[in-house]
Amino acid sequence: MIENCNDEQILNDLNSKAKLMIKMANLFGLSEERDAFIFMFVQFSGLDLIQNRELTKKNNAFIFSLLDLGSSFPNYLQEGWKLILNSALKLE
């Protein structure tokens, strides 16, 4: 559904709700769920498949959300930091 969605408002709502779910998952000790939400940002940012491809507007939105996640919720990411840092290293 996310892959085929082009409505910016829906994607913005999804990003903000996913960030809250990451925070809640960490508060309740649900590390696998927390990391799954973080991986969703990585997957839809396109940074895991960046080999010679042009990023779309949607990819850019998820990249910004991924970076915002790192700066807004640093205390809630735990091992999820590795996913964010590995993705950020792929940015040029």
Foldseek 3Di string as FASTA:
>chain_A
DLVPDDDPVVLVVVLVVLLVVLQVCQVVVNLVSNLVSLVVLLVQLCLVPVPPDDGDPRNVVSLVSLVVSCVVPVVRCVVSVVVSVVSVVSDD
